[in-house]
Amino acid sequence: MASAQPGGRAERTRASILEAAETCFAEGGFAATRLEDVAARVGIRRASIVYHFRDKAELYDAVLADVIGDLLERVTPVLTGPGSLVDRSTAAVSTWIDYVAARPTAARLMLREVADGSRERLPALVRHTRPFYELIERVQRDEPDDPVARGSGADPVQLATTVAGSTVFFFAAMPTLLPGTPYDPHDPDRLEAHRAEMIAITRRALLDGTETC
């Protein structure tokens, strides 16, 4: 929709709406979140949101696109850069963990989205994460001389899902599952322990079977 607002102002308003909507959807889920809730958090009228996004579904889709798009921009140069496939993969795992630590609403958003999905209604997240999994498969396919790509028994998509799911659960679910305890996923020692565990899992899965190649 064309905007009559000055470009800079319109872009700032849109960015504020996306930021507020990400928090609202992460806290309440898609069904429970109203456009009025988002508008109140931004400090604008509901009509101003509709000016930028046709309806709640379009706003939600834009939030998912922003969350996953930002992650893809961070991980792509790591996975496609120099170094062995194992080193790049573990660096990508570390980048993913840093991303979620800095943007915890992303973990809650992903957890709610998957929980609300079913075989009859695939999560909208599936469409947005497809380029990420395609990147993983392409990186492995384009490394025919790397011993990991040639000999590992690890399924790269399954491995990525395991690491992603563990990290989402670590940030979004564990504090709720341990009420009354000082469980803080952002505690430096706890965060680094999770990072070390995810990197160890990744290295072990990728290196499995390469010794005989």
N, C-alpha and C. Protein backbone atom coordinates (compact mmCIF):
# COMPACT_ATOMS: atom_id res chain seq x y z
N MET A 1 0.85 -1.19 0.00
CA MET A 1 0.00 0.00 0.00
C MET A 1 0.88 1.23 0.00
N ALA A 2 0.62 2.17 -0.84
CA ALA A 2 1.42 3.38 -0.92
C ALA A 2 1.21 4.22 0.33
N SER A 3 2.28 4.83 0.80
CA SER A 3 2.20 5.64 1.99
C SER A 3 2.32 7.11 1.66
N ALA A 4 1.46 7.94 2.30
CA ALA A 4 1.53 9.37 2.09
C ALA A 4 2.47 10.02 3.10
N GLN A 5 2.93 9.24 4.08
CA GLN A 5 3.84 9.76 5.06
C GLN A 5 5.22 9.95 4.45
N PRO A 6 6.02 10.87 5.00
CA PRO A 6 7.41 10.97 4.54
C PRO A 6 8.09 9.63 4.71
N GLY A 7 8.98 9.28 3.78
CA GLY A 7 9.60 7.97 3.78
C GLY A 7 10.21 7.56 5.10
N GLY A 8 11.02 8.46 5.70
CA GLY A 8 11.67 8.11 6.95
C GLY A 8 10.70 7.85 8.07
N ARG A 9 9.67 8.69 8.19
CA ARG A 9 8.68 8.53 9.24
C ARG A 9 7.89 7.24 9.05
N ALA A 10 7.49 6.97 7.82
CA ALA A 10 6.72 5.76 7.53
C ALA A 10 7.54 4.51 7.86
N GLU A 11 8.81 4.53 7.53
CA GLU A 11 9.68 3.38 7.81
C GLU A 11 9.86 3.18 9.30
N ARG A 12 9.99 4.28 10.03
CA ARG A 12 10.15 4.18 11.49
C ARG A 12 8.89 3.64 12.14
N THR A 13 7.74 4.10 11.64
CA THR A 13 6.48 3.61 12.18
C THR A 13 6.31 2.13 11.91
N ARG A 14 6.63 1.72 10.70
CA ARG A 14 6.51 0.30 10.34
C ARG A 14 7.44 -0.54 11.20
N ALA A 15 8.66 -0.07 11.41
CA ALA A 15 9.61 -0.81 12.24
C ALA A 15 9.12 -0.91 13.68
N SER A 16 8.53 0.16 14.19
CA SER A 16 8.00 0.14 15.56
C SER A 16 6.84 -0.84 15.68
N ILE A 17 5.99 -0.89 14.65
CA ILE A 17 4.87 -1.84 14.65
C ILE A 17 5.39 -3.28 14.66
N LEU A 18 6.38 -3.56 13.82
CA LEU A 18 6.94 -4.91 13.77
C LEU A 18 7.55 -5.31 15.11
N GLU A 19 8.27 -4.39 15.72
CA GLU A 19 8.91 -4.69 17.00
C GLU A 19 7.87 -4.97 18.08
N ALA A 20 6.84 -4.13 18.13
CA ALA A 20 5.79 -4.32 19.12
C ALA A 20 5.00 -5.60 18.85
N ALA A 21 4.72 -5.87 17.58
CA ALA A 21 3.97 -7.07 17.22
C ALA A 21 4.75 -8.33 17.58
N GLU A 22 6.06 -8.31 17.37
CA GLU A 22 6.89 -9.47 17.72
C GLU A 22 6.75 -9.78 19.21
N THR A 23 6.79 -8.75 20.04
CA THR A 23 6.64 -8.96 21.48
C THR A 23 5.25 -9.47 21.83
N CYS A 24 4.22 -8.87 21.23
CA CYS A 24 2.85 -9.28 21.53
C CYS A 24 2.59 -10.71 21.09
N PHE A 25 3.01 -11.07 19.90
CA PHE A 25 2.79 -12.43 19.41
C PHE A 25 3.58 -13.43 20.23
N ALA A 26 4.79 -13.06 20.67
CA ALA A 26 5.60 -13.96 21.48
C ALA A 26 4.96 -14.18 22.85
N GLU A 27 4.35 -13.15 23.39
CA GLU A 27 3.74 -13.26 24.72
C GLU A 27 2.38 -13.94 24.69
N GLY A 28 1.57 -13.65 23.67
CA GLY A 28 0.20 -14.16 23.68
C GLY A 28 -0.16 -15.12 22.57
N GLY A 29 0.71 -15.28 21.57
CA GLY A 29 0.37 -16.14 20.45
C GLY A 29 -0.46 -15.39 19.43
N PHE A 30 -0.63 -16.00 18.26
CA PHE A 30 -1.36 -15.32 17.18
C PHE A 30 -2.83 -15.11 17.52
N ALA A 31 -3.49 -16.16 18.00
CA ALA A 31 -4.94 -16.09 18.21
C ALA A 31 -5.33 -15.06 19.26
N ALA A 32 -4.55 -14.97 20.33
CA ALA A 32 -4.92 -14.09 21.44
C ALA A 32 -4.50 -12.64 21.23
N THR A 33 -3.59 -12.40 20.31
CA THR A 33 -3.09 -11.04 20.10
C THR A 33 -4.03 -10.26 19.19
N ARG A 34 -4.38 -9.06 19.61
CA ARG A 34 -5.23 -8.18 18.80
C ARG A 34 -4.40 -7.03 18.24
N LEU A 35 -4.84 -6.49 17.14
CA LEU A 35 -4.15 -5.34 16.58
C LEU A 35 -4.18 -4.16 17.56
N GLU A 36 -5.25 -4.10 18.36
CA GLU A 36 -5.33 -3.04 19.36
C GLU A 36 -4.20 -3.17 20.39
N ASP A 37 -3.82 -4.41 20.71
CA ASP A 37 -2.72 -4.62 21.66
C ASP A 37 -1.41 -4.08 21.09
N VAL A 38 -1.20 -4.35 19.82
CA VAL A 38 0.02 -3.88 19.16
C VAL A 38 0.03 -2.35 19.09
N ALA A 39 -1.11 -1.79 18.72
CA ALA A 39 -1.22 -0.34 18.60
C ALA A 39 -0.95 0.34 19.93
N ALA A 40 -1.49 -0.23 21.01
CA ALA A 40 -1.29 0.36 22.33
C ALA A 40 0.18 0.34 22.73
N ARG A 41 0.88 -0.72 22.38
CA ARG A 41 2.29 -0.82 22.73
C ARG A 41 3.12 0.20 21.95
N VAL A 42 2.71 0.47 20.71
CA VAL A 42 3.43 1.45 19.90
C VAL A 42 3.06 2.88 20.29
N GLY A 43 1.78 3.04 20.76
CA GLY A 43 1.28 4.37 21.07
C GLY A 43 0.62 5.03 19.87
N ILE A 44 -0.02 4.19 19.02
CA ILE A 44 -0.71 4.69 17.84
C ILE A 44 -2.12 4.10 17.81
N ARG A 45 -2.91 4.51 16.84
CA ARG A 45 -4.25 3.95 16.69
C ARG A 45 -4.21 2.68 15.85
N ARG A 46 -5.22 1.84 16.03
CA ARG A 46 -5.31 0.60 15.26
C ARG A 46 -5.29 0.88 13.76
N ALA A 47 -5.95 1.96 13.37
CA ALA A 47 -6.02 2.30 11.95
C ALA A 47 -4.64 2.54 11.35
N SER A 48 -3.71 2.98 12.18
CA SER A 48 -2.35 3.22 11.68
C SER A 48 -1.66 1.91 11.32
N ILE A 49 -1.99 0.84 12.04
CA ILE A 49 -1.41 -0.47 11.72
C ILE A 49 -1.97 -0.96 10.39
N VAL A 50 -3.27 -0.85 10.22
CA VAL A 50 -3.91 -1.30 8.97
C VAL A 50 -3.39 -0.50 7.78
N TYR A 51 -2.92 0.68 8.04
CA TYR A 51 -2.35 1.52 6.98
C TYR A 51 -1.09 0.86 6.41
N HIS A 52 -0.34 0.15 7.29
CA HIS A 52 0.90 -0.50 6.87
C HIS A 52 0.71 -2.00 6.58
N PHE A 53 -0.21 -2.64 7.29
CA PHE A 53 -0.43 -4.08 7.12
C PHE A 53 -1.94 -4.32 6.99
N ARG A 54 -2.30 -5.09 5.99
CA ARG A 54 -3.72 -5.27 5.64
C ARG A 54 -4.53 -5.82 6.82
N ASP A 55 -3.99 -6.80 7.52
CA ASP A 55 -4.71 -7.41 8.64
C ASP A 55 -3.69 -8.08 9.57
N LYS A 56 -4.20 -8.76 10.59
CA LYS A 56 -3.32 -9.37 11.58
C LYS A 56 -2.47 -10.47 10.95
N ALA A 57 -3.04 -11.23 10.02
CA ALA A 57 -2.28 -12.31 9.38
C ALA A 57 -1.08 -11.76 8.61
N GLU A 58 -1.28 -10.65 7.91
CA GLU A 58 -0.18 -10.06 7.15
C GLU A 58 0.89 -9.52 8.09
N LEU A 59 0.48 -8.94 9.20
CA LEU A 59 1.43 -8.43 10.18
C LEU A 59 2.23 -9.58 10.78
N TYR A 60 1.54 -10.66 11.12
CA TYR A 60 2.21 -11.83 11.70
C TYR A 60 3.23 -12.41 10.72
N ASP A 61 2.84 -12.50 9.47
CA ASP A 61 3.74 -13.02 8.44
C ASP A 61 4.98 -12.12 8.31
N ALA A 62 4.76 -10.82 8.40
CA ALA A 62 5.88 -9.88 8.30
C ALA A 62 6.82 -10.03 9.49
N VAL A 63 6.27 -10.30 10.67
CA VAL A 63 7.11 -10.51 11.85
C VAL A 63 7.97 -11.75 11.68
N LEU A 64 7.38 -12.84 11.22
CA LEU A 64 8.14 -14.07 11.00
C LEU A 64 9.22 -13.85 9.94
N ALA A 65 8.88 -13.14 8.89
CA ALA A 65 9.85 -12.87 7.83
C ALA A 65 11.02 -12.06 8.37
N ASP A 66 10.73 -11.11 9.25
CA ASP A 66 11.78 -10.28 9.82
C ASP A 66 12.68 -11.10 10.74
N VAL A 67 12.09 -11.93 11.58
CA VAL A 67 12.85 -12.75 12.53
C VAL A 67 13.76 -13.74 11.80
N ILE A 68 13.20 -14.50 10.88
CA ILE A 68 13.97 -15.52 10.18
C ILE A 68 14.91 -14.89 9.16
N GLY A 69 14.49 -13.80 8.53
CA GLY A 69 15.35 -13.12 7.56
C GLY A 69 16.60 -12.57 8.22
N ASP A 70 16.45 -12.00 9.41
CA ASP A 70 17.60 -11.48 10.14
C ASP A 70 18.56 -12.60 10.49
N LEU A 71 18.00 -13.73 10.93
CA LEU A 71 18.84 -14.88 11.27
C LEU A 71 19.59 -15.38 10.04
N LEU A 72 18.90 -15.49 8.92
CA LEU A 72 19.52 -15.99 7.69
C LEU A 72 20.66 -15.08 7.25
N GLU A 73 20.49 -13.77 7.40
CA GLU A 73 21.54 -12.84 7.02
C GLU A 73 22.79 -13.02 7.88
N ARG A 74 22.62 -13.42 9.12
CA ARG A 74 23.75 -13.61 10.02
C ARG A 74 24.45 -14.95 9.79
N VAL A 75 23.65 -15.99 9.51
CA VAL A 75 24.22 -17.34 9.40
C VAL A 75 24.83 -17.61 8.02
N THR A 76 24.25 -17.04 6.96
CA THR A 76 24.71 -17.34 5.60
C THR A 76 26.20 -17.09 5.40
N PRO A 77 26.74 -15.91 5.76
CA PRO A 77 28.18 -15.70 5.54
C PRO A 77 29.05 -16.61 6.38
N VAL A 78 28.54 -17.08 7.50
CA VAL A 78 29.31 -18.00 8.34
C VAL A 78 29.40 -19.37 7.69
N LEU A 79 28.27 -19.87 7.20
CA LEU A 79 28.24 -21.20 6.59
C LEU A 79 28.93 -21.24 5.22
N THR A 80 28.93 -20.13 4.52
CA THR A 80 29.51 -20.11 3.17
C THR A 80 30.91 -19.52 3.14
N GLY A 81 31.45 -19.17 4.28
CA GLY A 81 32.78 -18.58 4.34
C GLY A 81 33.89 -19.61 4.30
N PRO A 82 35.12 -19.21 4.61
CA PRO A 82 36.26 -20.12 4.57
C PRO A 82 36.27 -21.07 5.77
N GLY A 83 37.08 -22.12 5.65
CA GLY A 83 37.22 -23.08 6.74
C GLY A 83 36.56 -24.39 6.43
N SER A 84 36.81 -25.38 7.28
CA SER A 84 36.21 -26.69 7.09
C SER A 84 34.72 -26.63 7.37
N LEU A 85 34.01 -27.64 6.90
CA LEU A 85 32.56 -27.68 7.10
C LEU A 85 32.22 -27.79 8.59
N VAL A 86 33.03 -28.53 9.33
CA VAL A 86 32.80 -28.66 10.76
C VAL A 86 32.98 -27.31 11.46
N ASP A 87 34.06 -26.62 11.14
CA ASP A 87 34.32 -25.32 11.77
C ASP A 87 33.23 -24.31 11.43
N ARG A 88 32.80 -24.30 10.17
CA ARG A 88 31.75 -23.36 9.77
C ARG A 88 30.42 -23.71 10.43
N SER A 89 30.15 -24.99 10.56
CA SER A 89 28.89 -25.43 11.17
C SER A 89 28.84 -25.07 12.65
N THR A 90 29.94 -25.30 13.35
CA THR A 90 29.95 -24.96 14.78
C THR A 90 29.91 -23.44 14.97
N ALA A 91 30.54 -22.70 14.06
CA ALA A 91 30.46 -21.24 14.13
C ALA A 91 29.03 -20.77 13.89
N ALA A 92 28.32 -21.45 12.98
CA ALA A 92 26.92 -21.11 12.72
C ALA A 92 26.05 -21.41 13.93
N VAL A 93 26.34 -22.51 14.62
CA VAL A 93 25.61 -22.83 15.85
C VAL A 93 25.81 -21.73 16.88
N SER A 94 27.04 -21.28 17.04
CA SER A 94 27.34 -20.21 17.99
C SER A 94 26.64 -18.91 17.59
N THR A 95 26.60 -18.63 16.29
CA THR A 95 25.91 -17.43 15.80
C THR A 95 24.42 -17.52 16.10
N TRP A 96 23.83 -18.68 15.91
CA TRP A 96 22.41 -18.91 16.19
C TRP A 96 22.12 -18.67 17.67
N ILE A 97 22.96 -19.19 18.55
CA ILE A 97 22.75 -19.03 19.99
C ILE A 97 22.87 -17.55 20.38
N ASP A 98 23.85 -16.86 19.83
CA ASP A 98 24.00 -15.42 20.11
C ASP A 98 22.78 -14.65 19.64
N TYR A 99 22.24 -15.06 18.49
CA TYR A 99 21.07 -14.38 17.93
C TYR A 99 19.87 -14.50 18.87
N VAL A 100 19.61 -15.72 19.33
CA VAL A 100 18.45 -15.93 20.20
C VAL A 100 18.68 -15.27 21.56
N ALA A 101 19.91 -15.28 22.04
CA ALA A 101 20.19 -14.63 23.32
C ALA A 101 19.91 -13.13 23.24
N ALA A 102 20.22 -12.53 22.10
CA ALA A 102 20.01 -11.10 21.92
C ALA A 102 18.56 -10.77 21.55
N ARG A 103 17.82 -11.78 21.07
CA ARG A 103 16.44 -11.56 20.63
C ARG A 103 15.55 -12.67 21.19
N PRO A 104 15.36 -12.71 22.52
CA PRO A 104 14.63 -13.82 23.15
C PRO A 104 13.19 -13.95 22.69
N THR A 105 12.59 -12.87 22.19
CA THR A 105 11.23 -12.99 21.67
C THR A 105 11.17 -13.98 20.51
N ALA A 106 12.27 -14.13 19.78
CA ALA A 106 12.30 -15.06 18.65
C ALA A 106 12.07 -16.48 19.12
N ALA A 107 12.69 -16.86 20.23
CA ALA A 107 12.52 -18.22 20.76
C ALA A 107 11.08 -18.46 21.18
N ARG A 108 10.49 -17.51 21.90
CA ARG A 108 9.10 -17.68 22.34
C ARG A 108 8.14 -17.71 21.15
N LEU A 109 8.43 -16.90 20.15
CA LEU A 109 7.60 -16.87 18.95
C LEU A 109 7.64 -18.21 18.23
N MET A 110 8.84 -18.77 18.07
CA MET A 110 8.98 -20.05 17.39
C MET A 110 8.31 -21.17 18.17
N LEU A 111 8.46 -21.16 19.50
CA LEU A 111 7.86 -22.21 20.32
C LEU A 111 6.34 -22.17 20.21
N ARG A 112 5.76 -20.98 20.28
CA ARG A 112 4.30 -20.86 20.16
C ARG A 112 3.82 -21.27 18.77
N GLU A 113 4.57 -20.88 17.77
CA GLU A 113 4.17 -21.17 16.39
C GLU A 113 4.14 -22.67 16.14
N VAL A 114 5.16 -23.38 16.59
CA VAL A 114 5.21 -24.83 16.39
C VAL A 114 4.13 -25.51 17.22
N ALA A 115 3.92 -25.06 18.46
CA ALA A 115 2.92 -25.68 19.33
C ALA A 115 1.51 -25.54 18.77
N ASP A 116 1.26 -24.43 18.08
CA ASP A 116 -0.07 -24.19 17.52
C ASP A 116 -0.30 -24.90 16.18
N GLY A 117 0.75 -25.48 15.62
CA GLY A 117 0.63 -26.15 14.32
C GLY A 117 0.11 -27.57 14.45
N SER A 118 -0.22 -28.15 13.32
CA SER A 118 -0.70 -29.53 13.27
C SER A 118 -0.49 -30.04 11.86
N ARG A 119 -0.79 -31.31 11.65
CA ARG A 119 -0.68 -31.87 10.29
C ARG A 119 -1.67 -31.20 9.35
N GLU A 120 -2.79 -30.77 9.91
CA GLU A 120 -3.81 -30.10 9.09
C GLU A 120 -3.45 -28.64 8.84
N ARG A 121 -2.77 -28.01 9.80
CA ARG A 121 -2.39 -26.61 9.66
C ARG A 121 -0.89 -26.48 9.93
N LEU A 122 -0.12 -26.50 8.86
CA LEU A 122 1.31 -26.37 9.02
C LEU A 122 1.64 -24.99 9.59
N PRO A 123 2.59 -24.93 10.51
CA PRO A 123 2.98 -23.62 11.04
C PRO A 123 3.45 -22.70 9.92
N ALA A 124 3.09 -21.43 10.01
CA ALA A 124 3.55 -20.46 9.02
C ALA A 124 5.07 -20.39 9.01
N LEU A 125 5.68 -20.78 10.13
CA LEU A 125 7.13 -20.74 10.25
C LEU A 125 7.81 -21.63 9.23
N VAL A 126 7.12 -22.71 8.82
CA VAL A 126 7.71 -23.66 7.88
C VAL A 126 8.12 -22.97 6.58
N ARG A 127 7.27 -22.12 6.08
CA ARG A 127 7.57 -21.43 4.82
C ARG A 127 8.77 -20.50 4.96
N HIS A 128 8.88 -19.87 6.10
CA HIS A 128 9.97 -18.91 6.30
C HIS A 128 11.31 -19.58 6.59
N THR A 129 11.28 -20.77 7.18
CA THR A 129 12.54 -21.46 7.50
C THR A 129 13.05 -22.32 6.34
N ARG A 130 12.24 -22.53 5.31
CA ARG A 130 12.67 -23.36 4.19
C ARG A 130 13.98 -22.88 3.56
N PRO A 131 14.16 -21.56 3.32
CA PRO A 131 15.44 -21.11 2.74
C PRO A 131 16.64 -21.44 3.63
N PHE A 132 16.42 -21.47 4.93
CA PHE A 132 17.50 -21.80 5.85
C PHE A 132 17.94 -23.25 5.68
N TYR A 133 16.98 -24.16 5.60
CA TYR A 133 17.32 -25.57 5.41
C TYR A 133 17.88 -25.82 4.01
N GLU A 134 17.40 -25.08 3.05
CA GLU A 134 17.96 -25.21 1.71
C GLU A 134 19.41 -24.75 1.69
N LEU A 135 19.74 -23.74 2.47
CA LEU A 135 21.12 -23.27 2.58
C LEU A 135 22.00 -24.37 3.17
N ILE A 136 21.53 -25.03 4.21
CA ILE A 136 22.30 -26.10 4.85
C ILE A 136 22.58 -27.22 3.86
N GLU A 137 21.55 -27.64 3.14
CA GLU A 137 21.71 -28.73 2.17
C GLU A 137 22.64 -28.32 1.04
N ARG A 138 22.55 -27.07 0.60
CA ARG A 138 23.40 -26.59 -0.50
C ARG A 138 24.86 -26.54 -0.07
N VAL A 139 25.11 -26.09 1.14
CA VAL A 139 26.49 -26.01 1.63
C VAL A 139 27.11 -27.39 1.69
N GLN A 140 26.37 -28.37 2.17
CA GLN A 140 26.91 -29.72 2.22
C GLN A 140 27.09 -30.30 0.82
N ARG A 141 26.15 -30.04 -0.06
CA ARG A 141 26.22 -30.56 -1.43
C ARG A 141 27.38 -29.96 -2.20
N ASP A 142 27.71 -28.70 -1.91
CA ASP A 142 28.77 -28.01 -2.65
C ASP A 142 30.16 -28.28 -2.08
N GLU A 143 30.26 -29.19 -1.12
CA GLU A 143 31.55 -29.52 -0.51
C GLU A 143 31.89 -31.00 -0.75
N PRO A 144 31.98 -31.44 -2.01
CA PRO A 144 32.20 -32.87 -2.27
C PRO A 144 33.54 -33.38 -1.77
N ASP A 145 34.53 -32.50 -1.60
CA ASP A 145 35.85 -32.93 -1.16
C ASP A 145 36.03 -32.88 0.35
N ASP A 146 35.08 -32.31 1.04
CA ASP A 146 35.18 -32.24 2.49
C ASP A 146 34.84 -33.61 3.07
N PRO A 147 35.68 -34.15 3.97
CA PRO A 147 35.42 -35.49 4.51
C PRO A 147 34.09 -35.60 5.23
N VAL A 148 33.62 -34.52 5.82
CA VAL A 148 32.34 -34.57 6.52
C VAL A 148 31.21 -34.71 5.52
N ALA A 149 31.22 -33.90 4.47
CA ALA A 149 30.17 -33.98 3.45
C ALA A 149 30.20 -35.32 2.75
N ARG A 150 31.39 -35.91 2.62
CA ARG A 150 31.52 -37.16 1.88
C ARG A 150 31.19 -38.38 2.74
N GLY A 151 31.48 -38.27 4.05
CA GLY A 151 31.36 -39.49 4.84
C GLY A 151 30.46 -39.45 6.05
N SER A 152 29.98 -38.29 6.46
CA SER A 152 29.18 -38.23 7.68
C SER A 152 27.82 -38.86 7.48
N GLY A 153 27.37 -39.56 8.51
CA GLY A 153 26.04 -40.13 8.47
C GLY A 153 24.97 -39.16 8.97
N ALA A 154 25.39 -37.98 9.38
CA ALA A 154 24.44 -37.01 9.93
C ALA A 154 23.56 -36.41 8.85
N ASP A 155 22.29 -36.33 9.13
CA ASP A 155 21.35 -35.62 8.27
C ASP A 155 21.44 -34.15 8.65
N PRO A 156 21.91 -33.28 7.76
CA PRO A 156 22.13 -31.88 8.14
C PRO A 156 20.86 -31.16 8.59
N VAL A 157 19.73 -31.48 7.96
CA VAL A 157 18.47 -30.83 8.34
C VAL A 157 18.03 -31.29 9.73
N GLN A 158 18.15 -32.60 9.99
CA GLN A 158 17.77 -33.12 11.30
C GLN A 158 18.68 -32.56 12.39
N LEU A 159 19.98 -32.46 12.07
CA LEU A 159 20.92 -31.91 13.04
C LEU A 159 20.59 -30.45 13.35
N ALA A 160 20.31 -29.67 12.31
CA ALA A 160 19.97 -28.26 12.50
C ALA A 160 18.70 -28.13 13.33
N THR A 161 17.73 -29.00 13.08
CA THR A 161 16.47 -28.96 13.82
C THR A 161 16.70 -29.30 15.28
N THR A 162 17.57 -30.28 15.54
CA THR A 162 17.88 -30.67 16.91
C THR A 162 18.51 -29.52 17.69
N VAL A 163 19.49 -28.87 17.08
CA VAL A 163 20.17 -27.76 17.73
C VAL A 163 19.22 -26.57 17.91
N ALA A 164 18.46 -26.26 16.87
CA ALA A 164 17.52 -25.14 16.95
C ALA A 164 16.46 -25.39 18.02
N GLY A 165 15.91 -26.60 18.03
CA GLY A 165 14.88 -26.92 19.01
C GLY A 165 15.39 -26.87 20.43
N SER A 166 16.60 -27.37 20.65
CA SER A 166 17.18 -27.35 21.99
C SER A 166 17.39 -25.92 22.48
N THR A 167 17.84 -25.06 21.59
CA THR A 167 18.09 -23.67 21.98
C THR A 167 16.79 -22.91 22.22
N VAL A 168 15.80 -23.14 21.38
CA VAL A 168 14.50 -22.51 21.59
C VAL A 168 13.92 -22.93 22.94
N PHE A 169 14.01 -24.21 23.25
CA PHE A 169 13.49 -24.73 24.52
C PHE A 169 14.29 -24.15 25.69
N PHE A 170 15.60 -24.05 25.52
CA PHE A 170 16.48 -23.52 26.55
C PHE A 170 16.07 -22.11 26.95
N PHE A 171 15.80 -21.27 25.97
CA PHE A 171 15.46 -19.88 26.25
C PHE A 171 13.99 -19.67 26.59
N ALA A 172 13.09 -20.36 25.87
CA ALA A 172 11.67 -20.06 25.99
C ALA A 172 10.91 -20.91 26.99
N ALA A 173 11.38 -22.10 27.26
CA ALA A 173 10.60 -23.01 28.09
C ALA A 173 11.19 -23.28 29.47
N MET A 174 12.50 -23.41 29.56
CA MET A 174 13.10 -23.80 30.83
C MET A 174 12.79 -22.85 31.99
N PRO A 175 12.82 -21.53 31.79
CA PRO A 175 12.47 -20.65 32.92
C PRO A 175 11.07 -20.89 33.44
N THR A 176 10.14 -21.27 32.56
CA THR A 176 8.77 -21.55 32.97
C THR A 176 8.65 -22.91 33.65
N LEU A 177 9.44 -23.88 33.20
CA LEU A 177 9.38 -25.23 33.76
C LEU A 177 10.04 -25.32 35.13
N LEU A 178 10.85 -24.33 35.46
CA LEU A 178 11.54 -24.33 36.76
C LEU A 178 11.17 -23.08 37.55
N PRO A 179 9.89 -22.94 37.90
CA PRO A 179 9.46 -21.74 38.64
C PRO A 179 10.06 -21.73 40.05
N GLY A 180 10.32 -20.56 40.54
CA GLY A 180 10.86 -20.45 41.89
C GLY A 180 12.35 -20.73 41.98
N THR A 181 12.98 -20.96 40.84
CA THR A 181 14.42 -21.20 40.83
C THR A 181 15.10 -20.06 40.07
N PRO A 182 16.35 -19.79 40.40
CA PRO A 182 17.06 -18.69 39.70
C PRO A 182 17.57 -19.12 38.33
N TYR A 183 16.68 -19.70 37.52
CA TYR A 183 17.10 -20.18 36.20
C TYR A 183 17.05 -19.02 35.21
N ASP A 184 18.21 -18.59 34.81
CA ASP A 184 18.31 -17.50 33.84
C ASP A 184 19.15 -17.96 32.66
N PRO A 185 18.52 -18.19 31.50
CA PRO A 185 19.29 -18.66 30.34
C PRO A 185 20.34 -17.66 29.88
N HIS A 186 20.21 -16.40 30.32
CA HIS A 186 21.19 -15.39 29.93
C HIS A 186 22.36 -15.30 30.91
N ASP A 187 22.31 -16.10 31.97
CA ASP A 187 23.46 -16.15 32.87
C ASP A 187 24.68 -16.60 32.06
N PRO A 188 25.78 -15.86 32.11
CA PRO A 188 26.93 -16.17 31.25
C PRO A 188 27.41 -17.62 31.35
N ASP A 189 27.50 -18.15 32.56
CA ASP A 189 27.98 -19.53 32.72
C ASP A 189 26.99 -20.54 32.13
N ARG A 190 25.71 -20.31 32.38
CA ARG A 190 24.69 -21.22 31.84
C ARG A 190 24.62 -21.14 30.32
N LEU A 191 24.72 -19.92 29.80
CA LEU A 191 24.68 -19.73 28.36
C LEU A 191 25.87 -20.40 27.67
N GLU A 192 27.05 -20.24 28.25
CA GLU A 192 28.23 -20.86 27.65
C GLU A 192 28.20 -22.38 27.77
N ALA A 193 27.59 -22.89 28.83
CA ALA A 193 27.45 -24.34 28.97
C ALA A 193 26.53 -24.88 27.87
N HIS A 194 25.46 -24.15 27.59
CA HIS A 194 24.55 -24.57 26.51
C HIS A 194 25.27 -24.49 25.17
N ARG A 195 26.03 -23.44 24.95
CA ARG A 195 26.76 -23.30 23.70
C ARG A 195 27.74 -24.47 23.52
N ALA A 196 28.49 -24.78 24.57
CA ALA A 196 29.46 -25.87 24.49
C ALA A 196 28.78 -27.20 24.19
N GLU A 197 27.60 -27.42 24.79
CA GLU A 197 26.87 -28.67 24.55
C GLU A 197 26.38 -28.75 23.12
N MET A 198 25.83 -27.67 22.59
CA MET A 198 25.33 -27.67 21.21
C MET A 198 26.48 -27.84 20.20
N ILE A 199 27.62 -27.22 20.47
CA ILE A 199 28.77 -27.36 19.58
C ILE A 199 29.31 -28.78 19.62
N ALA A 200 29.34 -29.37 20.83
CA ALA A 200 29.82 -30.76 20.96
C ALA A 200 28.91 -31.72 20.21
N ILE A 201 27.61 -31.51 20.30
CA ILE A 201 26.64 -32.36 19.58
C ILE A 201 26.85 -32.22 18.08
N THR A 202 27.05 -31.00 17.64
CA THR A 202 27.23 -30.75 16.20
C THR A 202 28.51 -31.40 15.69
N ARG A 203 29.60 -31.23 16.40
CA ARG A 203 30.88 -31.82 15.98
C ARG A 203 30.79 -33.34 15.96
N ARG A 204 30.20 -33.91 17.00
CA ARG A 204 30.11 -35.37 17.08
C ARG A 204 29.26 -35.94 15.95
N ALA A 205 28.14 -35.26 15.66
CA ALA A 205 27.25 -35.74 14.59
C ALA A 205 27.91 -35.63 13.22
N LEU A 206 28.62 -34.53 12.97
CA LEU A 206 29.23 -34.33 11.66
C LEU A 206 30.45 -35.20 11.44
N LEU A 207 31.20 -35.46 12.51
CA LEU A 207 32.44 -36.23 12.37
C LEU A 207 32.20 -37.74 12.42
N ASP A 208 31.03 -38.16 12.82
CA ASP A 208 30.73 -39.58 12.89
C ASP A 208 30.88 -40.24 11.53
N GLY A 209 31.73 -41.23 11.46
CA GLY A 209 31.90 -41.98 10.22
C GLY A 209 32.99 -41.47 9.31
N THR A 210 33.56 -40.29 9.59
CA THR A 210 34.58 -39.76 8.69
C THR A 210 35.90 -40.49 8.81
N GLU A 211 36.14 -41.14 9.94
CA GLU A 211 37.42 -41.82 10.13
C GLU A 211 37.65 -42.95 9.14
N THR A 212 36.55 -43.54 8.64
CA THR A 212 36.70 -44.68 7.74
C THR A 212 36.68 -44.28 6.28
N CYS A 213 36.55 -42.95 6.00
CA CYS A 213 36.44 -42.49 4.61
C CYS A 213 37.81 -42.30 4.00
